[in-house]
Amino acid sequence: DFRFELHDLNTLVRTLVADRHSLAEERGLQLEVALQADLPRMVLDESMMVQAVSNLLTNALNYTPRGGRVRVATAMEKRKDGTWVMFSVEDNGPGISSEELPHLFERFYRGKAGRDSGAPGTGLGLAIVKQVVERHNGRIEVGSGAEGKGTIFTVYLPAKNVKPATK
């Protein structure tokens, strides 16, 4: 059951990143945050959005080798199809092959990195993220860095779900 209320996406992201900071350090990973300061508050289901951001962040931490970097960012972007509030989770891990990309959001699908790394998982995390994002009338995109190094997941949420920031 979804409960939509006004929330600050930056606060939500900041809390989750702070929560995972010691895990990142334990794994020898650099955890960076780049939040756009003037993001408006948005109408979202907090527990669902926490689960979505959390799944993406946990995946990035699980699949990035020691010495790697995970970066979480928020921004507001005007595009032809409207204004979007977005957050992204980027890592410089092994990346995702082009053969696996179309299957990433399928329930129970685990890619080669998941199978080879021994990282825990059921293959439901990304399916849940996609479901949460779609329930918020948003979309999720996935891309790879140069030469298959790293992965970036970007979630776009429609800015019409926003209430202007009050000064």
C-alpha atoms as a PDB file:
ATOM      1  CA  ASP A   1       0.000   0.000   0.000  1.00  0.00           C
ATOM      2  CA  PHE A   2       1.502   3.327  -1.107  1.00  0.00           C
ATOM      3  CA  ARG A   3       1.420   6.404   1.128  1.00  0.00           C
ATOM      4  CA  PHE A   4       2.292   9.538  -0.810  1.00  0.00           C
ATOM      5  CA  GLU A   5       3.467  12.508   1.271  1.00  0.00           C
ATOM      6  CA  LEU A   6       5.763  15.479   0.839  1.00  0.00           C
ATOM      7  CA  HIS A   7       9.445  14.558   1.294  1.00  0.00           C
ATOM      8  CA  ASP A   8      12.893  15.966   0.697  1.00  0.00           C
ATOM      9  CA  LEU A   9      14.744  13.596  -1.659  1.00  0.00           C
ATOM     10  CA  ASN A  10      18.129  14.995  -0.565  1.00  0.00           C
ATOM     11  CA  THR A  11      17.428  14.211   3.102  1.00  0.00           C
ATOM     12  CA  LEU A  12      16.347  10.701   2.175  1.00  0.00           C
ATOM     13  CA  VAL A  13      19.506  10.117   0.078  1.00  0.00           C
ATOM     14  CA  ARG A  14      21.797  11.718   2.674  1.00  0.00           C
ATOM     15  CA  THR A  15      20.390   9.470   5.426  1.00  0.00           C
ATOM     16  CA  LEU A  16      20.868   6.287   3.374  1.00  0.00           C
ATOM     17  CA  VAL A  17      24.414   7.239   2.360  1.00  0.00           C
ATOM     18  CA  ALA A  18      25.322   8.016   5.978  1.00  0.00           C
ATOM     19  CA  ASP A  19      23.840   4.658   6.960  1.00  0.00           C
ATOM     20  CA  ARG A  20      26.075   2.820   4.422  1.00  0.00           C
ATOM     21  CA  HIS A  21      29.235   4.829   5.084  1.00  0.00           C
ATOM     22  CA  SER A  22      30.855   2.363   7.478  1.00  0.00           C
ATOM     23  CA  LEU A  23      30.048  -0.537   5.131  1.00  0.00           C
ATOM     24  CA  ALA A  24      31.775   1.316   2.292  1.00  0.00           C
ATOM     25  CA  GLU A  25      34.829   1.977   4.475  1.00  0.00           C
ATOM     26  CA  GLU A  26      34.906  -1.673   5.568  1.00  0.00           C
ATOM     27  CA  ARG A  27      35.014  -2.689   1.906  1.00  0.00           C
ATOM     28  CA  GLY A  28      37.691  -0.139   1.023  1.00  0.00           C
ATOM     29  CA  LEU A  29      35.317   1.901  -1.121  1.00  0.00           C
ATOM     30  CA  GLN A  30      35.012   5.633  -1.543  1.00  0.00           C
ATOM     31  CA  LEU A  31      31.390   6.772  -1.112  1.00  0.00           C
ATOM     32  CA  GLU A  32      30.728  10.195  -2.638  1.00  0.00           C
ATOM     33  CA  VAL A  33      27.605  12.338  -2.542  1.00  0.00           C
ATOM     34  CA  ALA A  34      26.717  15.213  -4.867  1.00  0.00           C
ATOM     35  CA  LEU A  35      23.335  16.690  -3.976  1.00  0.00           C
ATOM     36  CA  GLN A  36      21.756  19.610  -5.814  1.00  0.00           C
ATOM     37  CA  ALA A  37      21.059  22.094  -3.044  1.00  0.00           C
ATOM     38  CA  ASP A  38      17.741  23.635  -4.135  1.00  0.00           C
ATOM     39  CA  LEU A  39      15.727  20.516  -4.947  1.00  0.00           C
ATOM     40  CA  PRO A  40      12.026  21.000  -4.275  1.00  0.00           C
ATOM     41  CA  ARG A  41      10.218  18.711  -1.843  1.00  0.00           C
ATOM     42  CA  MET A  42       8.403  15.923  -3.677  1.00  0.00           C
ATOM     43  CA  VAL A  43       5.288  13.836  -3.204  1.00  0.00           C
ATOM     44  CA  LEU A  44       6.547  10.293  -2.690  1.00  0.00           C
ATOM     45  CA  ASP A  45       6.016   7.144  -0.736  1.00  0.00           C
ATOM     46  CA  GLU A  46       8.976   7.399   1.637  1.00  0.00           C
ATOM     47  CA  SER A  47       9.343   3.740   2.569  1.00  0.00           C
ATOM     48  CA  MET A  48       9.105   2.624  -1.069  1.00  0.00           C
ATOM     49  CA  MET A  49      11.609   5.259  -2.252  1.00  0.00           C
ATOM     50  CA  VAL A  50      13.972   4.341   0.608  1.00  0.00           C
ATOM     51  CA  GLN A  51      13.812   0.737  -0.601  1.00  0.00           C
ATOM     52  CA  ALA A  52      14.558   1.764  -4.210  1.00  0.00           C
ATOM     53  CA  VAL A  53      17.536   3.997  -3.349  1.00  0.00           C
ATOM     54  CA  SER A  54      18.744   1.441  -0.833  1.00  0.00           C
ATOM     55  CA  ASN A  55      18.663  -1.415  -3.386  1.00  0.00           C
ATOM     56  CA  LEU A  56      20.660   0.597  -5.928  1.00  0.00           C
ATOM     57  CA  LEU A  57      23.191   1.704  -3.316  1.00  0.00           C
ATOM     58  CA  THR A  58      23.610  -1.797  -1.860  1.00  0.00           C
ATOM     59  CA  ASN A  59      24.142  -3.257  -5.359  1.00  0.00           C
ATOM     60  CA  ALA A  60      26.794  -0.668  -6.141  1.00  0.00           C
ATOM     61  CA  LEU A  61      28.598  -1.410  -2.855  1.00  0.00           C
ATOM     62  CA  ASN A  62      28.338  -5.180  -3.416  1.00  0.00           C
ATOM     63  CA  TYR A  63      29.670  -5.181  -6.967  1.00  0.00           C
ATOM     64  CA  THR A  64      32.426  -2.587  -6.740  1.00  0.00           C
ATOM     65  CA  PRO A  65      35.840  -4.060  -5.961  1.00  0.00           C
ATOM     66  CA  ARG A  66      37.989  -2.772  -3.092  1.00  0.00           C
ATOM     67  CA  GLY A  67      39.577   0.574  -3.959  1.00  0.00           C
ATOM     68  CA  GLY A  68      36.559   1.489  -6.081  1.00  0.00           C
ATOM     69  CA  ARG A  69      34.172   4.408  -5.919  1.00  0.00           C
ATOM     70  CA  VAL A  70      30.396   4.745  -5.557  1.00  0.00           C
ATOM     71  CA  ARG A  71      28.785   8.134  -6.215  1.00  0.00           C
ATOM     72  CA  VAL A  72      25.212   9.132  -5.402  1.00  0.00           C
ATOM     73  CA  ALA A  73      23.864  12.339  -6.904  1.00  0.00           C
ATOM     74  CA  THR A  74      20.616  14.290  -7.127  1.00  0.00           C
ATOM     75  CA  ALA A  75      19.686  16.970  -9.634  1.00  0.00           C
ATOM     76  CA  MET A  76      16.813  18.652 -11.396  1.00  0.00           C
ATOM     77  CA  GLU A  77      16.796  18.447 -15.167  1.00  0.00           C
ATOM     78  CA  LYS A  78      14.669  20.193 -17.777  1.00  0.00           C
ATOM     79  CA  ARG A  79      14.207  18.018 -20.866  1.00  0.00           C
ATOM     80  CA  LYS A  80      11.939  18.092 -23.904  1.00  0.00           C
ATOM     81  CA  ASP A  81       9.469  15.860 -22.079  1.00  0.00           C
ATOM     82  CA  GLY A  82       9.298  18.036 -18.977  1.00  0.00           C
ATOM     83  CA  THR A  83      11.170  18.761 -15.774  1.00  0.00           C
ATOM     84  CA  TRP A  84      12.515  15.812 -13.795  1.00  0.00           C
ATOM     85  CA  VAL A  85      13.990  15.413 -10.336  1.00  0.00           C
ATOM     86  CA  MET A  86      16.577  12.685 -10.563  1.00  0.00           C
ATOM     87  CA  PHE A  87      18.973  10.665  -8.510  1.00  0.00           C
ATOM     88  CA  SER A  88      21.734   8.446  -9.739  1.00  0.00           C
ATOM     89  CA  VAL A  89      23.956   5.766  -8.276  1.00  0.00           C
ATOM     90  CA  GLU A  90      27.214   5.288 -10.147  1.00  0.00           C
ATOM     91  CA  ASP A  91      30.048   2.852  -9.517  1.00  0.00           C
ATOM     92  CA  ASN A  92      33.309   1.960 -11.200  1.00  0.00           C
ATOM     93  CA  GLY A  93      32.901  -1.792 -10.779  1.00  0.00           C
ATOM     94  CA  PRO A  94      32.948  -4.397 -13.556  1.00  0.00           C
ATOM     95  CA  GLY A  95      29.959  -2.910 -15.398  1.00  0.00           C
ATOM     96  CA  ILE A  96      27.113  -4.761 -17.071  1.00  0.00           C
ATOM     97  CA  SER A  97      27.425  -6.453 -20.439  1.00  0.00           C
ATOM     98  CA  SER A  98      25.164  -5.381 -23.307  1.00  0.00           C
ATOM     99  CA  GLU A  99      23.715  -8.924 -23.363  1.00  0.00           C
ATOM    100  CA  GLU A 100      22.596  -8.568 -19.734  1.00  0.00           C
ATOM    101  CA  LEU A 101      21.175  -5.037 -19.939  1.00  0.00           C
ATOM    102  CA  PRO A 102      17.743  -6.051 -21.340  1.00  0.00           C
ATOM    103  CA  HIS A 103      17.248  -8.571 -18.499  1.00  0.00           C
ATOM    104  CA  LEU A 104      18.335  -6.455 -15.518  1.00  0.00           C
ATOM    105  CA  PHE A 105      14.849  -5.560 -14.329  1.00  0.00           C
ATOM    106  CA  GLU A 106      13.373  -9.053 -14.706  1.00  0.00           C
ATOM    107  CA  ARG A 107      12.349 -10.750 -11.486  1.00  0.00           C
ATOM    108  CA  PHE A 108      14.893 -13.280 -10.205  1.00  0.00           C
ATOM    109  CA  TYR A 109      17.441 -12.350 -12.879  1.00  0.00           C
ATOM    110  CA  ARG A 110      21.027 -12.360 -11.608  1.00  0.00           C
ATOM    111  CA  GLY A 111      23.764 -11.249 -13.926  1.00  0.00           C
ATOM    112  CA  LYS A 112      27.232 -12.692 -14.279  1.00  0.00           C
ATOM    113  CA  ALA A 113      28.660 -10.287 -11.659  1.00  0.00           C
ATOM    114  CA  GLY A 114      26.047 -11.458  -9.156  1.00  0.00           C
ATOM    115  CA  ARG A 115      26.712 -15.117  -9.815  1.00  0.00           C
ATOM    116  CA  ASP A 116      30.513 -14.780  -9.933  1.00  0.00           C
ATOM    117  CA  SER A 117      30.945 -12.440  -6.960  1.00  0.00           C
ATOM    118  CA  GLY A 118      29.070 -14.559  -4.469  1.00  0.00           C
ATOM    119  CA  ALA A 119      27.284 -11.331  -3.428  1.00  0.00           C
ATOM    120  CA  PRO A 120      23.994 -12.131  -1.718  1.00  0.00           C
ATOM    121  CA  GLY A 121      20.822 -11.518  -3.689  1.00  0.00           C
ATOM    122  CA  THR A 122      17.624 -13.012  -5.021  1.00  0.00           C
ATOM    123  CA  GLY A 123      17.476 -11.131  -8.307  1.00  0.00           C
ATOM    124  CA  LEU A 124      14.486  -9.120  -7.061  1.00  0.00           C
ATOM    125  CA  GLY A 125      16.190  -5.841  -6.113  1.00  0.00           C
ATOM    126  CA  LEU A 126      16.130  -4.144  -9.505  1.00  0.00           C
ATOM    127  CA  ALA A 127      12.635  -5.470 -10.298  1.00  0.00           C
ATOM    128  CA  ILE A 128      11.450  -3.788  -7.074  1.00  0.00           C
ATOM    129  CA  VAL A 129      13.278  -0.553  -7.931  1.00  0.00           C
ATOM    130  CA  LYS A 130      11.614  -0.436 -11.363  1.00  0.00           C
ATOM    131  CA  GLN A 131       8.184  -1.105  -9.828  1.00  0.00           C
ATOM    132  CA  VAL A 132       8.622   1.684  -7.241  1.00  0.00           C
ATOM    133  CA  VAL A 133       9.863   4.148  -9.876  1.00  0.00           C
ATOM    134  CA  GLU A 134       6.959   3.367 -12.219  1.00  0.00           C
ATOM    135  CA  ARG A 135       4.477   3.725  -9.348  1.00  0.00           C
ATOM    136  CA  HIS A 136       5.885   7.268  -8.951  1.00  0.00           C
ATOM    137  CA  ASN A 137       5.318   7.882 -12.701  1.00  0.00           C
ATOM    138  CA  GLY A 138       9.058   7.931 -13.219  1.00  0.00           C
ATOM    139  CA  ARG A 139      11.554   5.945 -15.214  1.00  0.00           C
ATOM    140  CA  ILE A 140      14.917   4.326 -14.630  1.00  0.00           C
ATOM    141  CA  GLU A 141      17.826   4.236 -17.045  1.00  0.00           C
ATOM    142  CA  VAL A 142      20.993   2.206 -16.831  1.00  0.00           C
ATOM    143  CA  GLY A 143      24.235   2.891 -18.597  1.00  0.00           C
ATOM    144  CA  SER A 144      27.816   1.759 -18.544  1.00  0.00           C
ATOM    145  CA  GLY A 145      30.925   3.838 -18.249  1.00  0.00           C
ATOM    146  CA  ALA A 146      33.738   3.815 -20.801  1.00  0.00           C
ATOM    147  CA  GLU A 147      34.798   0.328 -21.932  1.00  0.00           C
ATOM    148  CA  GLY A 148      32.254  -1.366 -19.686  1.00  0.00           C
ATOM    149  CA  LYS A 149      33.880   0.087 -16.561  1.00  0.00           C
ATOM    150  CA  GLY A 150      31.211   0.794 -14.031  1.00  0.00           C
ATOM    151  CA  THR A 151      27.468   1.228 -14.116  1.00  0.00           C
ATOM    152  CA  ILE A 152      25.188   4.180 -13.582  1.00  0.00           C
ATOM    153  CA  PHE A 153      21.523   3.844 -12.665  1.00  0.00           C
ATOM    154  CA  THR A 154      19.532   7.067 -13.027  1.00  0.00           C
ATOM    155  CA  VAL A 155      15.990   7.452 -11.724  1.00  0.00           C
ATOM    156  CA  TYR A 156      13.847  10.262 -13.151  1.00  0.00           C
ATOM    157  CA  LEU A 157      10.817  11.400 -11.180  1.00  0.00           C
ATOM    158  CA  PRO A 158       8.375  13.908 -12.700  1.00  0.00           C
ATOM    159  CA  ALA A 159       8.741  17.373 -11.207  1.00  0.00           C
ATOM    160  CA  LYS A 160       4.950  17.745 -11.240  1.00  0.00           C
ATOM    161  CA  ASN A 161       5.130  15.643  -8.064  1.00  0.00           C
ATOM    162  CA  VAL A 162       6.822  18.612  -6.420  1.00  0.00           C
ATOM    163  CA  LYS A 163       5.977  21.415  -4.126  1.00  0.00           C
ATOM    164  CA  PRO A 164       8.220  24.464  -4.671  1.00  0.00           C
ATOM    165  CA  ALA A 165      10.914  24.933  -2.037  1.00  0.00           C
ATOM    166  CA  THR A 166       9.923  27.730   0.347  1.00  0.00           C
ATOM    167  CA  LYS A 167      12.654  30.214   1.145  1.00  0.00           C
END
